[in-house]
Structure formats: structure tokens, C-alpha cells
């Protein structure tokens, strides 16, 4: 099955479970296809609204309808390509400006935390850490098999995940399947230590269910390094 068919099938299944919640406007959504269509249209509209550009809504809607209906376009391919390139460049500049502003705000927030708690230090990579307990074991390196417990919190201290009381300590190889901040953070630790890490949003990008622009705190207790995995073999 092609990827596009798999995606549409997944969207349709999800939409079937949400039809009742979608019929809140004056537009009636009768089936999964209607719901998926509405979600796609809403997503496009939100993208346009978030763009730092002045848009003629009537012309935009006419362009959308003409394209969907296969009608002739009032501009040639060269003009289209030129405008798209300019739009992409402008959007990249806007995204960079927004990213710089977010980074500046997060830096100010962390400077305040450091003023309140002198034990917080800034790592060379740009995240922050606090040593809760000094370990006596070896220092980690990429590829090591590490065993650890952790607590994950938002910057206001709200706990949203932890191993303690929920599951056994995690044993895994230190590698690329972690959020960027954790990959770097573990390299500061040695066996037996406990650190509290403060990650600006750019260090947690790529995490599952982590909204963009979110800063996180991870408190990690590193139990051991390169302890063999226990493998259960059913006889």
C-alpha cells in the first residue's frame, strides 16, 4: 500500500471517531472524508494566518478553487517559481527571527534561575545543569549501555513523567534515539551521580508529544554504565 493511501486511511479512521465533535459550526460534516477535508482546509488556513504576510483572502480562495478544479492559472511557471522562492526565503527569515526571540526569552528565564540558585551552571552546549549528587564511577560516552531513573518536569516544576514508582530503571545504549539535550547531558555524568538538567526548547525538539517551544527539566539518577542486559530465554 502506498504511503499516501496509508496516511489517508489513518486520517479517515481518526476522523470517524471525531465526527460529533466536528459538527459545531454551520457546516455539517457527514462522513470521514468530510472531516478529513475540513481538517486539511483548517490546517491550510492556520498556516496562512501564521505567515508574516498580508494576504488578499478573496484572491487566495479563487486560486485554491482554480487549482483544485484544474483551471488555467493567471501566472506562468516562471513567475510562480520566482514568487515561491521569495516566499520561502521570507518565511525562513521570519522563522529565524522567531527562533532568536524565543532563545532570548529562554536565556533570560535561565539567567533568573541561575541568580536564584547559584548551583545551576551552563554547559558549553547551551543547556543548564545542577549536580544533585556526585558520582564515583566512570564517565559515560556514546554507545555505553546505561542504567538510570529519571523525572521529567516542565519549567514550573510540574511533573509529567518518571520511572520512579511507574516502571523499572531504564537500561539502554546512549545514542541517537534520545532527544538532543539528553544525548549531550548524559556525557557529563558518571556512574552514581544525579543531575538536574534544564533544557531550552531547541534541546527537546523531536520528542514525542512535546509541543514546539517547550522547555523541560530532567532529573536523572545514573545508576551504572555498561551493565550487561538481562535476556530471558523461554525454554
Protein backbone atom coordinates (compact mmCIF):
# COMPACT_ATOMS: atom_id res chain seq x y z
CA UNK A 1 0.00 0.00 0.00
CA UNK A 2 1.36 3.43 -0.94
CA UNK A 3 2.25 5.86 1.83
CA UNK A 4 -0.41 8.33 0.70
CA UNK A 5 -3.10 5.65 0.96
CA UNK A 6 -1.90 4.62 4.42
CA UNK A 7 -1.98 8.27 5.56
CA UNK A 8 -5.48 8.87 4.18
CA UNK A 9 -6.73 5.64 5.73
CA UNK A 10 -5.30 6.61 9.13
CA UNK A 11 -6.83 10.08 8.86
CA UNK A 12 -10.20 8.64 7.89
CA UNK A 13 -10.22 6.22 10.83
CA UNK A 14 -9.30 9.02 13.24
CA UNK A 15 -11.95 11.26 11.74
CA UNK A 16 -14.70 8.67 12.23
CA UNK A 17 -14.14 8.84 15.98
CA UNK A 18 -14.42 12.63 15.96
CA UNK A 19 -17.38 13.37 13.72
CA UNK A 20 -19.63 14.51 16.54
CA UNK A 21 -17.05 16.96 17.85
CA UNK A 22 -16.55 18.41 14.35
CA UNK A 23 -20.19 19.36 13.73
CA UNK A 24 -20.07 22.53 15.84
CA UNK A 25 -20.16 25.12 13.05
CA UNK A 26 -22.77 25.82 10.39
CA UNK A 27 -21.02 23.28 8.15
CA UNK A 28 -22.27 19.72 8.52
CA UNK A 29 -19.64 17.01 8.22
CA UNK A 30 -21.44 13.83 7.24
CA UNK A 31 -18.59 11.36 6.95
CA UNK A 32 -14.89 10.75 7.48
CA UNK A 33 -13.99 12.24 4.10
CA UNK A 34 -15.77 15.49 5.02
CA UNK A 35 -13.94 15.62 8.34
CA UNK A 36 -10.53 15.00 6.80
CA UNK A 37 -11.25 17.64 4.15
CA UNK A 38 -12.20 20.17 6.82
CA UNK A 39 -9.07 19.43 8.87
CA UNK A 40 -6.88 19.90 5.80
CA UNK A 41 -8.62 23.18 4.94
CA UNK A 42 -8.34 24.43 8.50
CA UNK A 43 -4.66 23.48 8.61
CA UNK A 44 -4.01 25.42 5.39
CA UNK A 45 -5.87 28.45 6.74
CA UNK A 46 -3.93 28.40 10.01
CA UNK A 47 -0.68 28.22 8.06
CA UNK A 48 -1.68 31.26 6.02
CA UNK A 49 -2.74 33.17 9.14
CA UNK A 50 0.58 32.47 10.83
CA UNK A 51 2.57 33.76 7.86
CA UNK A 52 4.06 37.26 8.27
CA UNK A 53 2.43 38.42 5.03
CA UNK A 54 -0.59 40.45 4.00
CA UNK A 55 -2.93 38.16 2.08
CA UNK A 56 -5.94 39.00 -0.12
CA UNK A 57 -8.33 36.33 1.13
CA UNK A 58 -10.63 36.52 -1.90
CA UNK A 59 -7.76 36.02 -4.35
CA UNK A 60 -6.37 33.19 -2.23
CA UNK A 61 -9.73 31.37 -2.24
CA UNK A 62 -10.07 31.85 -6.01
CA UNK A 63 -6.57 30.43 -6.52
CA UNK A 64 -7.41 27.44 -4.34
CA UNK A 65 -10.64 26.74 -6.25
CA UNK A 66 -8.99 27.19 -9.66
CA UNK A 67 -6.16 24.83 -8.76
CA UNK A 68 -8.49 22.21 -7.29
CA UNK A 69 -10.70 22.39 -10.42
CA UNK A 70 -7.76 22.22 -12.83
CA UNK A 71 -8.41 25.62 -14.38
CA UNK A 72 -5.81 27.74 -16.19
CA UNK A 73 -3.64 29.88 -13.94
CA UNK A 74 -3.23 33.67 -14.48
CA UNK A 75 0.56 33.45 -13.96
CA UNK A 76 3.20 31.44 -15.80
CA UNK A 77 5.51 28.83 -14.29
CA UNK A 78 8.47 31.20 -14.12
CA UNK A 79 6.53 33.77 -12.13
CA UNK A 80 5.22 31.04 -9.84
CA UNK A 81 8.74 29.73 -9.19
CA UNK A 82 10.13 33.22 -8.56
CA UNK A 83 7.40 34.15 -6.09
CA UNK A 84 7.64 30.80 -4.30
CA UNK A 85 11.38 31.23 -3.85
CA UNK A 86 10.86 34.72 -2.42
CA UNK A 87 8.13 33.45 -0.10
CA UNK A 88 10.32 30.60 1.13
CA UNK A 89 13.19 32.98 1.83
CA UNK A 90 10.90 35.37 3.69
CA UNK A 91 9.42 32.54 5.76
CA UNK A 92 12.91 31.29 6.66
CA UNK A 93 13.86 34.79 7.80
CA UNK A 94 10.67 35.01 9.87
CA UNK A 95 11.28 31.59 11.45
CA UNK A 96 14.86 32.53 12.28
CA UNK A 97 13.72 35.81 13.84
CA UNK A 98 11.09 33.97 15.88
CA UNK A 99 13.64 31.35 16.95
CA UNK A 100 16.07 34.07 18.04
CA UNK A 101 13.35 35.78 20.08
CA UNK A 102 12.38 32.52 21.78
CA UNK A 103 16.03 31.75 22.56
CA UNK A 104 16.49 35.21 24.05
CA UNK A 105 13.43 34.83 26.28
CA UNK A 106 14.56 31.39 27.43
CA UNK A 107 18.05 32.70 28.15
CA UNK A 108 16.58 35.46 30.31
CA UNK A 109 14.47 32.90 32.17
CA UNK A 110 17.51 30.73 32.87
CA UNK A 111 19.59 33.71 33.96
CA UNK A 112 16.90 34.40 36.54
CA UNK A 113 17.01 30.77 37.71
CA UNK A 114 20.80 30.95 38.00
CA UNK A 115 20.52 34.14 40.06
CA UNK A 116 18.12 32.34 42.41
CA UNK A 117 20.16 29.13 42.51
CA UNK A 118 23.95 29.52 42.12
CA UNK A 119 24.33 25.72 41.83
CA UNK A 120 22.92 25.87 38.29
CA UNK A 121 25.66 26.01 35.68
CA UNK A 122 25.60 26.48 31.92
CA UNK A 123 27.13 23.73 29.79
CA UNK A 124 29.23 24.57 26.75
CA UNK A 125 26.49 23.15 24.53
CA UNK A 126 23.99 25.72 25.85
CA UNK A 127 21.77 23.77 28.24
CA UNK A 128 21.97 24.09 32.04
CA UNK A 129 22.61 21.62 34.83
CA UNK A 130 22.79 21.23 38.58
CA UNK A 131 24.72 18.46 40.33
CA UNK A 132 22.49 16.91 42.98
CA UNK A 133 24.79 14.01 43.84
CA UNK A 134 28.41 13.47 42.83
CA UNK A 135 29.16 10.00 41.44
CA UNK A 136 32.37 7.99 41.77
CA UNK A 137 32.08 5.77 38.72
CA UNK A 138 33.26 6.10 35.13
CA UNK A 139 32.06 8.91 32.87
CA UNK A 140 29.68 7.99 30.06
CA UNK A 141 30.49 8.05 26.37
CA UNK A 142 28.37 7.50 23.29
CA UNK A 143 27.40 3.87 22.82
CA UNK A 144 27.68 2.97 26.51
CA UNK A 145 24.93 0.84 28.00
CA UNK A 146 23.48 2.99 30.78
CA UNK A 147 21.02 2.23 33.56
CA UNK A 148 19.12 5.16 35.04
CA UNK A 149 15.97 6.57 36.63
CA UNK A 150 14.53 9.94 35.78
CA UNK A 151 11.88 12.56 36.47
CA UNK A 152 10.66 14.85 33.68
CA UNK A 153 9.11 18.20 34.51
CA UNK A 154 8.01 21.42 32.88
CA UNK A 155 9.88 24.57 33.85
CA UNK A 156 7.30 25.42 36.50
CA UNK A 157 8.15 22.14 38.25
CA UNK A 158 5.04 20.23 37.14
CA UNK A 159 5.92 16.53 36.89
CA UNK A 160 4.67 14.82 33.71
CA UNK A 161 6.70 11.61 33.58
CA UNK A 162 9.03 9.50 35.72
CA UNK A 163 10.31 5.99 36.21
CA UNK A 164 10.07 6.06 40.00
CA UNK A 165 7.02 4.07 41.07
CA UNK A 166 5.97 3.52 37.45
CA UNK A 167 8.49 1.09 35.98
CA UNK A 168 11.95 -0.37 36.40
CA UNK A 169 15.04 1.77 35.78
CA UNK A 170 15.78 2.13 32.08
CA UNK A 171 18.69 0.27 30.51
CA UNK A 172 19.63 1.38 27.02
CA UNK A 173 22.55 2.42 24.83
CA UNK A 174 23.43 6.09 24.89
CA UNK A 175 22.72 7.10 21.30
CA UNK A 176 20.69 8.97 18.74
CA UNK A 177 17.23 7.79 19.81
CA UNK A 178 17.13 10.35 22.64
CA UNK A 179 16.15 13.99 22.48
CA UNK A 180 19.23 16.12 21.67
CA UNK A 181 19.56 17.50 25.20
CA UNK A 182 19.68 14.09 26.84
CA UNK A 183 22.28 12.77 24.39
CA UNK A 184 24.57 15.60 25.44
CA UNK A 185 23.58 15.64 29.11
CA UNK A 186 24.50 12.01 29.81
CA UNK A 187 28.04 12.71 28.59
CA UNK A 188 28.54 14.99 31.62
CA UNK A 189 27.56 12.29 34.08
CA UNK A 190 29.41 9.46 35.74
CA UNK A 191 28.01 6.36 37.38
CA UNK A 192 26.39 7.03 40.73
CA UNK A 193 25.65 10.68 40.04
CA UNK A 194 22.35 12.56 40.00
CA UNK A 195 21.97 15.67 37.86
CA UNK A 196 19.11 18.06 37.21
CA UNK A 197 19.16 19.36 33.64
CA UNK A 198 17.38 22.44 32.33
CA UNK A 199 16.77 22.22 28.59
CA UNK A 200 15.79 25.22 26.43
CA UNK A 201 13.28 24.26 23.74
CA UNK A 202 15.85 23.63 20.99
CA UNK A 203 17.30 20.77 23.07
CA UNK A 204 14.00 18.88 23.30
CA UNK A 205 12.89 19.16 19.68
CA UNK A 206 11.97 15.84 18.17
CA UNK A 207 10.48 14.42 21.36
CA UNK A 208 7.13 12.66 21.10
CA UNK A 209 4.16 14.77 22.24
CA UNK A 210 6.38 17.72 23.18
CA UNK A 211 4.87 20.97 21.85
CA UNK A 212 7.18 23.34 19.99
CA UNK A 213 8.80 25.95 22.22
CA UNK A 214 8.62 23.81 25.35
CA UNK A 215 11.43 23.93 27.92
CA UNK A 216 11.91 20.90 30.14
CA UNK A 217 13.68 19.81 33.31
CA UNK A 218 15.08 16.29 33.61
CA UNK A 219 16.37 14.95 36.90
CA UNK A 220 18.47 11.87 36.15
CA UNK A 221 19.95 9.31 38.53
CA UNK A 222 22.61 7.35 36.65
CA UNK A 223 22.99 4.01 38.39
CA UNK A 224 25.58 2.22 36.26
CA UNK A 225 27.42 2.09 32.94
CA UNK A 226 27.94 -0.92 30.68
CA UNK A 227 25.98 -3.39 32.77
CA UNK A 228 25.02 -6.38 30.56
CA UNK A 229 21.37 -6.61 29.59
CA UNK A 230 19.38 -9.42 31.16
CA UNK A 231 17.88 -11.62 28.47
CA UNK A 232 15.07 -14.03 29.32
CA UNK A 233 15.00 -17.11 27.08
CA UNK A 234 11.91 -19.27 27.25
CA UNK A 235 12.76 -22.91 27.15
